[in-house]
N, C-alpha and C. Protein backbone atom coordinates (compact mmCIF):
# COMPACT_ATOMS: atom_id res chain seq x y z
N MET A 1 102.60 -0.63 -117.68
CA MET A 1 102.88 0.78 -117.57
C MET A 1 102.68 1.32 -115.79
N LYS A 2 103.57 2.17 -115.50
CA LYS A 2 103.38 2.49 -114.13
C LYS A 2 103.23 4.01 -113.92
N THR A 3 102.62 4.42 -113.10
CA THR A 3 102.35 5.85 -112.70
C THR A 3 102.83 6.08 -111.07
N THR A 4 102.72 7.38 -111.17
CA THR A 4 102.98 7.84 -109.65
C THR A 4 101.57 8.30 -108.91
N ILE A 5 101.52 8.38 -107.88
CA ILE A 5 100.33 9.11 -107.02
C ILE A 5 101.09 9.84 -105.79
N GLN A 6 100.36 10.67 -105.41
CA GLN A 6 100.49 11.18 -104.25
C GLN A 6 99.46 11.01 -102.99
N ILE A 7 100.22 10.55 -101.84
CA ILE A 7 99.55 10.28 -100.64
C ILE A 7 99.88 11.11 -99.59
N ASP A 8 99.34 11.38 -98.53
CA ASP A 8 99.98 12.16 -97.42
C ASP A 8 100.59 11.05 -96.62
N VAL A 9 101.40 11.64 -95.77
CA VAL A 9 102.39 11.10 -94.80
C VAL A 9 101.48 10.18 -93.90
N GLU A 10 100.69 10.35 -93.43
CA GLU A 10 99.74 9.34 -92.44
C GLU A 10 99.27 8.06 -93.50
N THR A 11 98.72 8.54 -94.41
CA THR A 11 98.33 7.11 -95.42
C THR A 11 99.73 6.21 -95.49
N LYS A 12 100.92 6.86 -95.77
CA LYS A 12 102.01 6.11 -96.29
C LYS A 12 102.34 5.29 -95.08
N LYS A 13 102.27 6.03 -93.90
CA LYS A 13 102.81 5.10 -92.77
C LYS A 13 101.70 3.83 -92.63
N GLN A 14 100.73 4.30 -92.90
CA GLN A 14 99.42 3.09 -92.78
C GLN A 14 99.79 1.94 -93.38
N LEU A 15 100.24 2.21 -95.14
CA LEU A 15 100.65 1.25 -95.76
C LEU A 15 101.82 0.52 -95.74
N GLU A 16 102.76 1.32 -94.93
CA GLU A 16 103.99 0.51 -94.51
C GLU A 16 103.50 -0.43 -93.67
N GLU A 17 102.59 -0.11 -92.64
CA GLU A 17 102.24 -1.23 -91.49
C GLU A 17 101.45 -2.38 -92.00
N LEU A 18 100.72 -2.23 -93.20
CA LEU A 18 100.12 -3.29 -93.90
C LEU A 18 101.04 -4.26 -94.65
N LYS A 19 102.41 -3.97 -94.82
CA LYS A 19 103.53 -4.62 -95.71
C LYS A 19 103.63 -5.97 -94.94
N ILE A 20 103.69 -7.04 -95.80
CA ILE A 20 104.00 -8.62 -95.37
C ILE A 20 105.39 -8.55 -95.11
N TYR A 21 106.15 -7.85 -95.91
CA TYR A 21 107.48 -8.23 -95.54
C TYR A 21 108.40 -6.64 -95.92
N PRO A 22 109.41 -6.25 -95.64
CA PRO A 22 109.72 -4.87 -95.57
C PRO A 22 109.82 -4.23 -97.12
N LYS A 23 110.35 -5.20 -97.74
CA LYS A 23 110.48 -4.64 -99.11
C LYS A 23 109.38 -4.67 -100.03
N GLU A 24 108.13 -5.24 -99.70
CA GLU A 24 107.28 -5.33 -100.41
C GLU A 24 106.44 -4.04 -100.94
N PRO A 25 106.27 -4.01 -102.36
CA PRO A 25 105.84 -2.87 -102.95
C PRO A 25 104.63 -2.48 -102.59
N PHE A 26 104.51 -1.18 -102.39
CA PHE A 26 103.16 -0.31 -102.15
C PHE A 26 102.02 -1.03 -103.02
N SER A 27 102.41 -1.32 -104.30
CA SER A 27 101.50 -1.84 -105.45
C SER A 27 101.06 -2.81 -104.93
N SER A 28 101.83 -3.99 -104.44
CA SER A 28 101.33 -5.06 -103.91
C SER A 28 100.27 -4.94 -102.77
N VAL A 29 100.53 -4.05 -101.80
CA VAL A 29 99.73 -3.77 -100.65
C VAL A 29 98.19 -3.28 -100.85
N ILE A 30 98.44 -2.34 -102.03
CA ILE A 30 97.24 -1.82 -102.50
C ILE A 30 96.62 -2.65 -103.27
N LYS A 31 97.02 -3.72 -104.05
CA LYS A 31 96.24 -4.66 -104.53
C LYS A 31 95.56 -5.61 -103.64
N ARG A 32 96.53 -5.96 -102.47
CA ARG A 32 95.51 -6.75 -101.70
C ARG A 32 94.61 -6.26 -101.04
N ILE A 33 94.65 -5.10 -100.79
CA ILE A 33 93.56 -4.18 -100.19
C ILE A 33 92.15 -4.03 -101.08
N ILE A 34 92.59 -3.85 -102.16
CA ILE A 34 91.46 -3.81 -103.53
C ILE A 34 90.72 -5.45 -103.40
N LYS A 35 91.69 -6.24 -103.38
CA LYS A 35 91.00 -7.67 -103.50
C LYS A 35 90.14 -7.88 -102.23
N LEU A 36 90.26 -7.59 -101.33
CA LEU A 36 89.60 -7.55 -100.02
C LEU A 36 88.33 -6.92 -100.17
N LYS A 37 88.27 -5.70 -100.78
CA LYS A 37 87.30 -4.76 -100.93
C LYS A 37 86.31 -5.45 -102.02
N ILE A 38 86.82 -6.06 -103.17
CA ILE A 38 85.93 -6.59 -104.22
C ILE A 38 85.06 -8.01 -103.71
N ASP A 39 83.65 -7.81 -103.81
CA ASP A 39 82.88 -9.00 -103.29
C ASP A 39 82.55 -9.81 -104.63
N GLU A 40 83.15 -11.02 -104.84
CA GLU A 40 83.14 -11.68 -105.78
C GLU A 40 81.65 -12.41 -106.00
N GLU A 41 81.13 -12.32 -104.74
CA GLU A 41 79.92 -13.10 -104.68
C GLU A 41 78.56 -12.05 -104.13
N PRO A 42 78.03 -11.21 -105.21
CA PRO A 42 77.19 -9.92 -104.83
C PRO A 42 75.99 -10.78 -103.92
N LEU A 43 75.22 -9.95 -103.34
CA LEU A 43 74.11 -10.24 -102.77
C LEU A 43 72.78 -10.28 -103.58
N SER A 44 72.24 -11.35 -103.77
CA SER A 44 71.03 -11.46 -104.64
C SER A 44 69.96 -10.54 -104.36
N LYS A 45 69.07 -9.94 -105.18
CA LYS A 45 67.96 -9.15 -105.03
C LYS A 45 67.19 -9.49 -104.02
N GLU A 46 66.87 -10.73 -103.59
CA GLU A 46 66.06 -11.19 -102.57
C GLU A 46 66.83 -10.93 -101.30
N THR A 47 67.90 -11.11 -101.27
CA THR A 47 68.69 -10.85 -99.90
C THR A 47 68.71 -9.43 -99.63
N ILE A 48 69.12 -8.64 -100.56
CA ILE A 48 68.76 -7.03 -100.35
C ILE A 48 67.38 -6.39 -99.80
N ARG A 49 66.65 -7.23 -100.63
CA ARG A 49 65.17 -6.88 -100.18
C ARG A 49 64.96 -7.42 -98.74
N LYS A 50 65.33 -8.40 -98.01
CA LYS A 50 65.34 -8.87 -96.91
C LYS A 50 65.94 -7.77 -96.09
N ILE A 51 67.13 -7.45 -96.22
CA ILE A 51 67.88 -6.68 -95.55
C ILE A 51 67.41 -5.16 -95.46
N GLU A 52 66.52 -4.95 -96.52
CA GLU A 52 66.11 -3.74 -96.55
C GLU A 52 64.79 -3.50 -95.63
N ILE A 53 64.08 -4.90 -95.91
CA ILE A 53 62.87 -4.81 -94.91
C ILE A 53 63.26 -4.86 -93.34
N ALA A 54 64.52 -5.66 -92.93
CA ALA A 54 64.96 -5.66 -91.67
C ALA A 54 65.34 -4.24 -91.09
N LEU A 55 65.94 -3.52 -91.87
CA LEU A 55 66.72 -2.25 -91.44
C LEU A 55 65.36 -1.10 -91.23
N ARG A 56 64.20 -1.25 -92.03
CA ARG A 56 62.94 -0.81 -92.07
C ARG A 56 62.19 -1.13 -90.60
N ASN A 57 62.39 -2.47 -90.27
CA ASN A 57 61.85 -2.54 -88.79
C ASN A 57 62.66 -2.38 -87.81
N ILE A 58 63.75 -2.36 -87.92
CA ILE A 58 64.42 -1.45 -86.95
C ILE A 58 64.36 -0.31 -86.32
N LYS A 59 64.09 0.70 -87.99
CA LYS A 59 63.78 1.80 -87.76
C LYS A 59 62.39 2.16 -86.97
N GLU A 60 61.75 1.31 -87.24
CA GLU A 60 60.43 1.50 -86.77
C GLU A 60 60.00 0.98 -85.38
N GLY A 61 61.13 0.40 -84.72
CA GLY A 61 60.90 -0.34 -83.51
C GLY A 61 60.32 -1.66 -83.45
N LYS A 62 60.22 -2.00 -84.61
CA LYS A 62 59.62 -3.53 -84.68
C LYS A 62 60.84 -4.57 -84.24
N VAL A 63 61.08 -4.46 -82.87
CA VAL A 63 62.13 -5.56 -82.67
C VAL A 63 62.16 -6.09 -81.35
N TYR A 64 62.42 -7.03 -81.03
CA TYR A 64 62.33 -7.52 -79.64
C TYR A 64 63.53 -7.49 -78.96
N THR A 65 63.93 -7.46 -77.20
CA THR A 65 65.10 -7.69 -76.86
C THR A 65 65.32 -9.50 -76.72
N THR A 66 66.35 -9.87 -76.43
CA THR A 66 66.87 -11.11 -76.24
C THR A 66 65.94 -11.54 -74.97
N LYS A 67 65.65 -10.88 -74.07
CA LYS A 67 64.91 -11.28 -72.93
C LYS A 67 63.45 -11.50 -73.37
N GLU A 68 63.05 -10.65 -74.03
CA GLU A 68 61.73 -10.77 -74.92
C GLU A 68 61.19 -11.96 -75.55
N VAL A 69 62.41 -12.20 -76.50
CA VAL A 69 62.27 -13.46 -77.09
C VAL A 69 62.31 -14.71 -76.33
N LYS A 70 63.23 -14.77 -75.48
CA LYS A 70 63.41 -16.02 -74.53
C LYS A 70 62.00 -16.16 -73.89
N LYS A 71 61.24 -15.03 -73.27
CA LYS A 71 60.23 -15.03 -72.63
C LYS A 71 59.16 -15.86 -73.39
N ARG A 72 59.03 -15.20 -74.72
CA ARG A 72 58.11 -15.83 -75.77
C ARG A 72 58.31 -17.08 -76.21
N LEU A 73 59.48 -17.61 -76.37
CA LEU A 73 59.84 -18.88 -76.46
C LEU A 73 59.93 -19.78 -75.32
N GLY A 74 59.44 -19.12 -74.17
CA GLY A 74 59.54 -20.03 -72.93
C GLY A 74 60.62 -20.69 -72.44
N ILE A 75 62.00 -20.10 -72.64
CA ILE A 75 63.28 -20.67 -72.40
C ILE A 75 63.83 -19.66 -71.58
N GLU A 76 63.51 -19.01 -70.67
CA GLU A 76 63.87 -18.00 -69.91
C GLU A 76 64.76 -18.63 -68.69
């Protein structure tokens, strides 16, 4: 079953630019974009937890500059 959607002119131009070949249907372009967006290997709960901790550390200023890390490791 097919349907019609409305998009603004600028979006249509952007979709045109994403075509692999001139007569490629917009449907194929949109499917390709959707496929890029879908993550077939979602992050584990543990990975998400570690990311949240890292973001919290960044917000709290618990970070080191590259220069500080090199100094601490003695590789300046």
